[in-house]
Amino acid sequence: MSTLHARERLLTWLALMSLAILAWGYLIMHGMHEPMSMNGNMAEPSDGSLSLLVTATLMWSVMMVAMMLPSASPMILSFLKIHQQRDRKLSASRNTWLFVAGYLAVWLTFAVIAAVIQWALQQGALLSSSMGHVTPLLGGALLMTAGAFQFSGLKQACLSKCRSPLSFLMTEWREGKSGALIMGIRHGAYCTGCCWALMLLMFVGGVMSLVWMAGLAVYFLAEKLLPQAEKISRISGILFAVVGIVILLTQSTSF
């Protein structure tokens, strides 16, 4: 039975990584061929603005899968392992994917919100038509916001939940299919609460910038897996805030 369970965990991990790789592949293909048209056209109101909003929502949704599934995989595999130990029936894999569905549902909700923000910024000419950078003043403000958030109690509370799969699963455990879905939603909420401010920095580095996507994805992974995560958060917070202040000061002196 342990061999079967180990095989099930391996197959689940491979499926998660395959989803992430497919998402990255989609982003790379479209990032190389479509970012100019999407961002450029959305900057001006037109009859196709709704379809462009849908396109932005799709891109943000794929981004969430690509960027967040790898860092969530330790929690997902821990859920599967505990479910295997608690229930020897064939419901472990099914409930694990319900957990994944709940987790992604939260991030896809965030994707819709981010797409609406992107659309509104472009309609207001606050987002460039090249790679989707916000204006320097807004970019500086976002960097300062992200830097300050790294020191907040909410950030550290959510990060501690994301960094401790066993603790989260023991305190949040719910039985059955609905329980697995709710647990996934709750984990997604903690994860979003931990990362939302940093994710908005995509508007600073470029909405369709593959470099910023990869950089943030690696950072999220490091923040959840490496020791001394609080120091990592605070060091990054200082850097973001300093860069934001420099940008704002530079812009203020240029007027």
C-alpha atoms as a PDB file:
ATOM      1  CA  MET A   1       0.000   0.000   0.000  1.00  0.00           C
ATOM      2  CA  SER A   2       2.853   2.423   0.800  1.00  0.00           C
ATOM      3  CA  THR A   3       4.281   1.802  -2.676  1.00  0.00           C
ATOM      4  CA  LEU A   4       0.924   2.640  -4.238  1.00  0.00           C
ATOM      5  CA  HIS A   5       0.677   5.784  -2.117  1.00  0.00           C
ATOM      6  CA  ALA A   6       4.186   6.865  -3.091  1.00  0.00           C
ATOM      7  CA  ARG A   7       3.318   6.320  -6.739  1.00  0.00           C
ATOM      8  CA  GLU A   8       0.124   8.334  -6.337  1.00  0.00           C
ATOM      9  CA  ARG A   9       2.084  11.222  -4.813  1.00  0.00           C
ATOM     10  CA  LEU A  10       4.637  11.099  -7.613  1.00  0.00           C
ATOM     11  CA  LEU A  11       1.929  11.130 -10.272  1.00  0.00           C
ATOM     12  CA  THR A  12       0.212  14.041  -8.534  1.00  0.00           C
ATOM     13  CA  TRP A  13       3.458  16.021  -8.401  1.00  0.00           C
ATOM     14  CA  LEU A  14       4.103  15.292 -12.081  1.00  0.00           C
ATOM     15  CA  ALA A  15       0.573  16.429 -12.947  1.00  0.00           C
ATOM     16  CA  LEU A  16       1.025  19.673 -10.988  1.00  0.00           C
ATOM     17  CA  MET A  17       4.359  20.396 -12.648  1.00  0.00           C
ATOM     18  CA  SER A  18       2.904  19.548 -16.053  1.00  0.00           C
ATOM     19  CA  LEU A  19       0.118  22.080 -15.521  1.00  0.00           C
ATOM     20  CA  ALA A  20       2.651  24.720 -14.491  1.00  0.00           C
ATOM     21  CA  ILE A  21       4.894  23.938 -17.485  1.00  0.00           C
ATOM     22  CA  LEU A  22       1.958  24.127 -19.886  1.00  0.00           C
ATOM     23  CA  ALA A  23       0.979  27.470 -18.393  1.00  0.00           C
ATOM     24  CA  TRP A  24       4.545  28.778 -18.755  1.00  0.00           C
ATOM     25  CA  GLY A  25       4.634  27.513 -22.333  1.00  0.00           C
ATOM     26  CA  TYR A  26       1.433  29.394 -23.131  1.00  0.00           C
ATOM     27  CA  LEU A  27       2.797  32.581 -21.564  1.00  0.00           C
ATOM     28  CA  ILE A  28       6.098  32.305 -23.423  1.00  0.00           C
ATOM     29  CA  MET A  29       4.349  31.808 -26.767  1.00  0.00           C
ATOM     30  CA  HIS A  30       1.939  34.692 -26.290  1.00  0.00           C
ATOM     31  CA  GLY A  31       4.513  36.868 -24.553  1.00  0.00           C
ATOM     32  CA  MET A  32       6.676  36.676 -27.660  1.00  0.00           C
ATOM     33  CA  HIS A  33       3.916  37.377 -30.164  1.00  0.00           C
ATOM     34  CA  GLU A  34       0.946  39.207 -28.607  1.00  0.00           C
ATOM     35  CA  PRO A  35       1.823  41.592 -25.743  1.00  0.00           C
ATOM     36  CA  MET A  36       2.144  44.646 -27.981  1.00  0.00           C
ATOM     37  CA  SER A  37      -1.279  44.242 -29.565  1.00  0.00           C
ATOM     38  CA  MET A  38      -3.075  43.380 -26.349  1.00  0.00           C
ATOM     39  CA  ASN A  39      -1.640  46.210 -24.270  1.00  0.00           C
ATOM     40  CA  GLY A  40      -1.595  48.732 -27.074  1.00  0.00           C
ATOM     41  CA  ASN A  41      -5.179  48.242 -28.185  1.00  0.00           C
ATOM     42  CA  MET A  42      -6.574  48.225 -24.670  1.00  0.00           C
ATOM     43  CA  ALA A  43      -5.170  51.662 -24.016  1.00  0.00           C
ATOM     44  CA  GLU A  44      -7.898  53.165 -26.215  1.00  0.00           C
ATOM     45  CA  PRO A  45     -11.634  52.641 -25.739  1.00  0.00           C
ATOM     46  CA  SER A  46     -13.188  50.656 -28.559  1.00  0.00           C
ATOM     47  CA  ASP A  47     -16.069  48.348 -29.354  1.00  0.00           C
ATOM     48  CA  GLY A  48     -13.745  45.433 -28.630  1.00  0.00           C
ATOM     49  CA  SER A  49     -12.848  46.564 -25.115  1.00  0.00           C
ATOM     50  CA  LEU A  50     -14.883  43.750 -23.554  1.00  0.00           C
ATOM     51  CA  SER A  51     -13.080  41.105 -25.581  1.00  0.00           C
ATOM     52  CA  LEU A  52      -9.765  42.670 -24.622  1.00  0.00           C
ATOM     53  CA  LEU A  53     -10.785  42.526 -20.964  1.00  0.00           C
ATOM     54  CA  VAL A  54     -11.547  38.823 -21.424  1.00  0.00           C
ATOM     55  CA  THR A  55      -8.106  38.360 -23.008  1.00  0.00           C
ATOM     56  CA  ALA A  56      -6.450  40.090 -20.065  1.00  0.00           C
ATOM     57  CA  THR A  57      -8.409  37.884 -17.656  1.00  0.00           C
ATOM     58  CA  LEU A  58      -7.243  34.779 -19.499  1.00  0.00           C
ATOM     59  CA  MET A  59      -3.610  35.897 -19.398  1.00  0.00           C
ATOM     60  CA  TRP A  60      -3.732  36.719 -15.682  1.00  0.00           C
ATOM     61  CA  SER A  61      -5.427  33.382 -14.964  1.00  0.00           C
ATOM     62  CA  VAL A  62      -2.714  31.453 -16.787  1.00  0.00           C
ATOM     63  CA  MET A  63      -0.106  33.534 -14.948  1.00  0.00           C
ATOM     64  CA  MET A  64      -1.567  32.513 -11.592  1.00  0.00           C
ATOM     65  CA  VAL A  65      -1.365  28.815 -12.495  1.00  0.00           C
ATOM     66  CA  ALA A  66       2.204  29.163 -13.777  1.00  0.00           C
ATOM     67  CA  MET A  67       3.490  31.242 -10.870  1.00  0.00           C
ATOM     68  CA  MET A  68       1.641  29.779  -7.872  1.00  0.00           C
ATOM     69  CA  LEU A  69       1.268  26.021  -8.444  1.00  0.00           C
ATOM     70  CA  PRO A  70       4.996  25.247  -7.912  1.00  0.00           C
ATOM     71  CA  SER A  71       5.105  27.036  -4.550  1.00  0.00           C
ATOM     72  CA  ALA A  72       1.813  25.394  -3.493  1.00  0.00           C
ATOM     73  CA  SER A  73       2.949  21.864  -4.379  1.00  0.00           C
ATOM     74  CA  PRO A  74       4.459  21.079  -0.915  1.00  0.00           C
ATOM     75  CA  MET A  75       1.107  21.876   0.725  1.00  0.00           C
ATOM     76  CA  ILE A  76      -0.829  19.900  -1.888  1.00  0.00           C
ATOM     77  CA  LEU A  77       1.399  16.834  -1.556  1.00  0.00           C
ATOM     78  CA  SER A  78       1.224  17.046   2.238  1.00  0.00           C
ATOM     79  CA  PHE A  79      -2.573  17.115   1.987  1.00  0.00           C
ATOM     80  CA  LEU A  80      -2.473  14.016  -0.217  1.00  0.00           C
ATOM     81  CA  LYS A  81      -0.112  12.174   2.147  1.00  0.00           C
ATOM     82  CA  ILE A  82      -2.216  12.884   5.239  1.00  0.00           C
ATOM     83  CA  HIS A  83      -5.377  11.947   3.373  1.00  0.00           C
ATOM     84  CA  GLN A  84      -3.778   8.630   2.423  1.00  0.00           C
ATOM     85  CA  GLN A  85      -2.929   7.969   6.056  1.00  0.00           C
ATOM     86  CA  ARG A  86      -6.382   8.915   7.350  1.00  0.00           C
ATOM     87  CA  ASP A  87      -8.452   7.267   4.638  1.00  0.00           C
ATOM     88  CA  ARG A  88      -7.266   4.084   2.912  1.00  0.00           C
ATOM     89  CA  LYS A  89     -10.036   4.300   0.325  1.00  0.00           C
ATOM     90  CA  LEU A  90      -9.610   5.617  -3.201  1.00  0.00           C
ATOM     91  CA  SER A  91     -10.748   9.142  -2.317  1.00  0.00           C
ATOM     92  CA  ALA A  92      -7.330  10.653  -1.618  1.00  0.00           C
ATOM     93  CA  SER A  93      -6.543  11.654  -5.207  1.00  0.00           C
ATOM     94  CA  ARG A  94     -10.071  12.945  -5.852  1.00  0.00           C
ATOM     95  CA  ASN A  95     -10.060  15.094  -2.725  1.00  0.00           C
ATOM     96  CA  THR A  96      -6.562  16.342  -3.484  1.00  0.00           C
ATOM     97  CA  TRP A  97      -7.715  17.729  -6.814  1.00  0.00           C
ATOM     98  CA  LEU A  98     -10.689  19.326  -5.093  1.00  0.00           C
ATOM     99  CA  PHE A  99      -8.150  20.975  -2.769  1.00  0.00           C
ATOM    100  CA  VAL A 100      -6.244  22.199  -5.850  1.00  0.00           C
ATOM    101  CA  ALA A 101      -9.481  23.459  -7.396  1.00  0.00           C
ATOM    102  CA  GLY A 102     -10.304  25.471  -4.285  1.00  0.00           C
ATOM    103  CA  TYR A 103      -6.787  26.897  -4.144  1.00  0.00           C
ATOM    104  CA  LEU A 104      -6.811  27.933  -7.801  1.00  0.00           C
ATOM    105  CA  ALA A 105     -10.344  29.338  -7.515  1.00  0.00           C
ATOM    106  CA  VAL A 106      -9.046  32.008  -5.135  1.00  0.00           C
ATOM    107  CA  TRP A 107      -6.145  32.912  -7.403  1.00  0.00           C
ATOM    108  CA  LEU A 108      -8.400  32.978 -10.467  1.00  0.00           C
ATOM    109  CA  THR A 109     -10.630  35.426  -8.598  1.00  0.00           C
ATOM    110  CA  PHE A 110      -7.529  37.536  -8.006  1.00  0.00           C
ATOM    111  CA  ALA A 111      -6.755  37.218 -11.736  1.00  0.00           C
ATOM    112  CA  VAL A 112     -10.164  38.681 -12.629  1.00  0.00           C
ATOM    113  CA  ILE A 113      -9.591  41.614 -10.248  1.00  0.00           C
ATOM    114  CA  ALA A 114      -6.085  42.207 -11.634  1.00  0.00           C
ATOM    115  CA  ALA A 115      -7.406  42.116 -15.212  1.00  0.00           C
ATOM    116  CA  VAL A 116     -10.076  44.699 -14.362  1.00  0.00           C
ATOM    117  CA  ILE A 117      -7.392  46.892 -12.765  1.00  0.00           C
ATOM    118  CA  GLN A 118      -5.235  46.510 -15.872  1.00  0.00           C
ATOM    119  CA  TRP A 119      -8.162  47.399 -18.128  1.00  0.00           C
ATOM    120  CA  ALA A 120      -9.023  50.458 -16.033  1.00  0.00           C
ATOM    121  CA  LEU A 121      -5.411  51.656 -16.012  1.00  0.00           C
ATOM    122  CA  GLN A 122      -5.184  51.268 -19.757  1.00  0.00           C
ATOM    123  CA  GLN A 123      -8.467  53.094 -20.316  1.00  0.00           C
ATOM    124  CA  GLY A 124      -7.103  55.909 -18.143  1.00  0.00           C
ATOM    125  CA  ALA A 125      -3.793  56.001 -20.067  1.00  0.00           C
ATOM    126  CA  LEU A 126      -1.894  55.065 -16.903  1.00  0.00           C
ATOM    127  CA  LEU A 127      -0.399  51.950 -18.462  1.00  0.00           C
ATOM    128  CA  SER A 128       2.098  52.045 -21.312  1.00  0.00           C
ATOM    129  CA  SER A 129       1.376  50.374 -24.616  1.00  0.00           C
ATOM    130  CA  SER A 130       4.674  48.456 -24.776  1.00  0.00           C
ATOM    131  CA  MET A 131       4.940  45.935 -21.955  1.00  0.00           C
ATOM    132  CA  GLY A 132       2.256  47.289 -19.657  1.00  0.00           C
ATOM    133  CA  HIS A 133       4.233  49.474 -17.261  1.00  0.00           C
ATOM    134  CA  VAL A 134       2.340  51.898 -15.063  1.00  0.00           C
ATOM    135  CA  THR A 135       3.423  55.533 -14.904  1.00  0.00           C
ATOM    136  CA  PRO A 136       6.536  56.182 -12.785  1.00  0.00           C
ATOM    137  CA  LEU A 137       4.566  57.890 -10.008  1.00  0.00           C
ATOM    138  CA  LEU A 138       2.133  55.006  -9.717  1.00  0.00           C
ATOM    139  CA  GLY A 139       4.985  52.509  -9.988  1.00  0.00           C
ATOM    140  CA  GLY A 140       6.834  54.175  -7.134  1.00  0.00           C
ATOM    141  CA  ALA A 141       3.689  54.129  -5.007  1.00  0.00           C
ATOM    142  CA  LEU A 142       3.140  50.425  -5.725  1.00  0.00           C
ATOM    143  CA  LEU A 143       6.742  49.631  -4.785  1.00  0.00           C
ATOM    144  CA  MET A 144       6.405  51.516  -1.513  1.00  0.00           C
ATOM    145  CA  THR A 145       3.098  49.758  -0.787  1.00  0.00           C
ATOM    146  CA  ALA A 146       4.639  46.349  -1.444  1.00  0.00           C
ATOM    147  CA  GLY A 147       7.641  47.232   0.706  1.00  0.00           C
ATOM    148  CA  ALA A 148       5.487  48.369   3.628  1.00  0.00           C
ATOM    149  CA  PHE A 149       3.264  45.296   3.333  1.00  0.00           C
ATOM    150  CA  GLN A 150       6.297  43.029   3.817  1.00  0.00           C
ATOM    151  CA  PHE A 151       6.500  44.292   7.421  1.00  0.00           C
ATOM    152  CA  SER A 152       2.789  43.945   8.184  1.00  0.00           C
ATOM    153  CA  GLY A 153       1.309  41.473  10.628  1.00  0.00           C
ATOM    154  CA  LEU A 154      -1.053  40.188   7.932  1.00  0.00           C
ATOM    155  CA  LYS A 155       1.881  39.331   5.692  1.00  0.00           C
ATOM    156  CA  GLN A 156       3.697  37.400   8.398  1.00  0.00           C
ATOM    157  CA  ALA A 157       0.545  35.623   9.608  1.00  0.00           C
ATOM    158  CA  CYS A 158      -0.349  34.458   6.097  1.00  0.00           C
ATOM    159  CA  LEU A 159       3.256  33.520   5.324  1.00  0.00           C
ATOM    160  CA  SER A 160       3.461  31.345   8.439  1.00  0.00           C
ATOM    161  CA  LYS A 161       0.375  29.424   7.262  1.00  0.00           C
ATOM    162  CA  CYS A 162       1.899  28.892   3.823  1.00  0.00           C
ATOM    163  CA  ARG A 163       5.277  27.812   5.207  1.00  0.00           C
ATOM    164  CA  SER A 164       3.912  25.174   7.588  1.00  0.00           C
ATOM    165  CA  PRO A 165       1.873  22.589   5.668  1.00  0.00           C
ATOM    166  CA  LEU A 166       1.547  20.215   8.617  1.00  0.00           C
ATOM    167  CA  SER A 167       0.380  22.951  10.991  1.00  0.00           C
ATOM    168  CA  PHE A 168      -2.132  24.257   8.454  1.00  0.00           C
ATOM    169  CA  LEU A 169      -3.527  20.801   7.707  1.00  0.00           C
ATOM    170  CA  MET A 170      -3.824  19.832  11.369  1.00  0.00           C
ATOM    171  CA  THR A 171      -5.673  23.015  12.331  1.00  0.00           C
ATOM    172  CA  GLU A 172      -7.764  23.384   9.173  1.00  0.00           C
ATOM    173  CA  TRP A 173      -8.608  19.739   8.443  1.00  0.00           C
ATOM    174  CA  ARG A 174     -12.105  19.011   7.179  1.00  0.00           C
ATOM    175  CA  GLU A 175     -13.479  15.669   6.042  1.00  0.00           C
ATOM    176  CA  GLY A 176     -15.064  14.810   2.714  1.00  0.00           C
ATOM    177  CA  LYS A 177     -15.190  16.398  -0.705  1.00  0.00           C
ATOM    178  CA  SER A 178     -16.608  19.710   0.502  1.00  0.00           C
ATOM    179  CA  GLY A 179     -14.008  19.770   3.265  1.00  0.00           C
ATOM    180  CA  ALA A 180     -11.180  19.358   0.744  1.00  0.00           C
ATOM    181  CA  LEU A 181     -12.576  22.174  -1.392  1.00  0.00           C
ATOM    182  CA  ILE A 182     -12.955  24.487   1.604  1.00  0.00           C
ATOM    183  CA  MET A 183      -9.423  23.708   2.753  1.00  0.00           C
ATOM    184  CA  GLY A 184      -8.118  24.567  -0.696  1.00  0.00           C
ATOM    185  CA  ILE A 185     -10.028  27.843  -0.665  1.00  0.00           C
ATOM    186  CA  ARG A 186      -8.672  28.715   2.777  1.00  0.00           C
ATOM    187  CA  HIS A 187      -5.114  27.924   1.741  1.00  0.00           C
ATOM    188  CA  GLY A 188      -5.606  30.000  -1.399  1.00  0.00           C
ATOM    189  CA  ALA A 189      -6.863  32.876   0.752  1.00  0.00           C
ATOM    190  CA  TYR A 190      -3.788  32.705   2.995  1.00  0.00           C
ATOM    191  CA  CYS A 191      -1.524  32.487  -0.043  1.00  0.00           C
ATOM    192  CA  THR A 192      -3.208  35.450  -1.713  1.00  0.00           C
ATOM    193  CA  GLY A 193      -3.048  37.395   1.538  1.00  0.00           C
ATOM    194  CA  CYS A 194       0.686  36.729   1.607  1.00  0.00           C
ATOM    195  CA  CYS A 195       1.470  37.583  -2.017  1.00  0.00           C
ATOM    196  CA  TRP A 196      -1.110  40.050  -3.392  1.00  0.00           C
ATOM    197  CA  ALA A 197       1.008  43.189  -2.953  1.00  0.00           C
ATOM    198  CA  LEU A 198       4.014  41.592  -4.615  1.00  0.00           C
ATOM    199  CA  MET A 199       1.855  40.284  -7.448  1.00  0.00           C
ATOM    200  CA  LEU A 200       0.730  43.846  -8.197  1.00  0.00           C
ATOM    201  CA  LEU A 201       4.363  44.665  -8.942  1.00  0.00           C
ATOM    202  CA  MET A 202       3.700  43.050 -12.333  1.00  0.00           C
ATOM    203  CA  PHE A 203       2.246  46.459 -13.189  1.00  0.00           C
ATOM    204  CA  VAL A 204       5.640  47.984 -12.398  1.00  0.00           C
ATOM    205  CA  GLY A 205       7.881  45.493 -14.190  1.00  0.00           C
ATOM    206  CA  GLY A 206       5.476  44.898 -17.058  1.00  0.00           C
ATOM    207  CA  VAL A 207       2.227  42.969 -17.137  1.00  0.00           C
ATOM    208  CA  MET A 208       3.549  40.677 -19.858  1.00  0.00           C
ATOM    209  CA  SER A 209       7.186  40.622 -18.727  1.00  0.00           C
ATOM    210  CA  LEU A 210       8.305  36.995 -18.548  1.00  0.00           C
ATOM    211  CA  VAL A 211      11.366  38.066 -16.537  1.00  0.00           C
ATOM    212  CA  TRP A 212       9.195  39.625 -13.817  1.00  0.00           C
ATOM    213  CA  MET A 213       6.862  36.632 -13.831  1.00  0.00           C
ATOM    214  CA  ALA A 214       9.766  34.236 -13.356  1.00  0.00           C
ATOM    215  CA  GLY A 215      11.432  36.470 -10.767  1.00  0.00           C
ATOM    216  CA  LEU A 216       8.303  36.736  -8.643  1.00  0.00           C
ATOM    217  CA  ALA A 217       7.591  32.995  -8.989  1.00  0.00           C
ATOM    218  CA  VAL A 218      11.095  32.162  -7.749  1.00  0.00           C
ATOM    219  CA  TYR A 219      10.715  34.674  -4.917  1.00  0.00           C
ATOM    220  CA  PHE A 220       7.402  33.164  -3.795  1.00  0.00           C
ATOM    221  CA  LEU A 221       9.009  29.721  -3.809  1.00  0.00           C
ATOM    222  CA  ALA A 222      12.022  30.942  -1.816  1.00  0.00           C
ATOM    223  CA  GLU A 223       9.885  32.804   0.704  1.00  0.00           C
ATOM    224  CA  LYS A 224       7.863  29.674   1.437  1.00  0.00           C
ATOM    225  CA  LEU A 225      10.646  27.086   1.421  1.00  0.00           C
ATOM    226  CA  LEU A 226      13.883  28.729   2.554  1.00  0.00           C
ATOM    227  CA  PRO A 227      14.697  29.190   6.258  1.00  0.00           C
ATOM    228  CA  GLN A 228      14.410  32.612   7.905  1.00  0.00           C
ATOM    229  CA  ALA A 229      11.558  33.707   5.661  1.00  0.00           C
ATOM    230  CA  GLU A 230      10.859  36.732   7.870  1.00  0.00           C
ATOM    231  CA  LYS A 231      14.326  38.125   7.115  1.00  0.00           C
ATOM    232  CA  ILE A 232      13.805  37.527   3.400  1.00  0.00           C
ATOM    233  CA  SER A 233      10.491  39.403   3.563  1.00  0.00           C
ATOM    234  CA  ARG A 234      11.955  42.340   5.457  1.00  0.00           C
ATOM    235  CA  ILE A 235      15.052  42.655   3.282  1.00  0.00           C
ATOM    236  CA  SER A 236      12.910  42.615   0.151  1.00  0.00           C
ATOM    237  CA  GLY A 237      10.518  45.071   1.781  1.00  0.00           C
ATOM    238  CA  ILE A 238      13.350  47.529   2.415  1.00  0.00           C
ATOM    239  CA  LEU A 239      14.562  47.188  -1.177  1.00  0.00           C
ATOM    240  CA  PHE A 240      11.096  47.736  -2.646  1.00  0.00           C
ATOM    241  CA  ALA A 241      10.457  50.754  -0.426  1.00  0.00           C
ATOM    242  CA  VAL A 242      13.838  52.344  -1.184  1.00  0.00           C
ATOM    243  CA  VAL A 243      13.407  51.913  -4.935  1.00  0.00           C
ATOM    244  CA  GLY A 244       9.887  53.306  -4.701  1.00  0.00           C
ATOM    245  CA  ILE A 245      11.073  56.360  -2.746  1.00  0.00           C
ATOM    246  CA  VAL A 246      13.881  56.983  -5.243  1.00  0.00           C
ATOM    247  CA  ILE A 247      11.432  56.834  -8.149  1.00  0.00           C
ATOM    248  CA  LEU A 248       9.016  59.231  -6.445  1.00  0.00           C
ATOM    249  CA  LEU A 249      11.791  61.674  -5.515  1.00  0.00           C
ATOM    250  CA  THR A 250      13.168  61.552  -9.037  1.00  0.00           C
ATOM    251  CA  GLN A 251       9.753  62.270 -10.499  1.00  0.00           C
ATOM    252  CA  SER A 252       9.046  65.108  -8.049  1.00  0.00           C
ATOM    253  CA  THR A 253      12.294  66.874  -8.949  1.00  0.00           C
ATOM    254  CA  SER A 254      11.514  66.612 -12.647  1.00  0.00           C
ATOM    255  CA  PHE A 255       8.401  68.788 -12.353  1.00  0.00           C
END
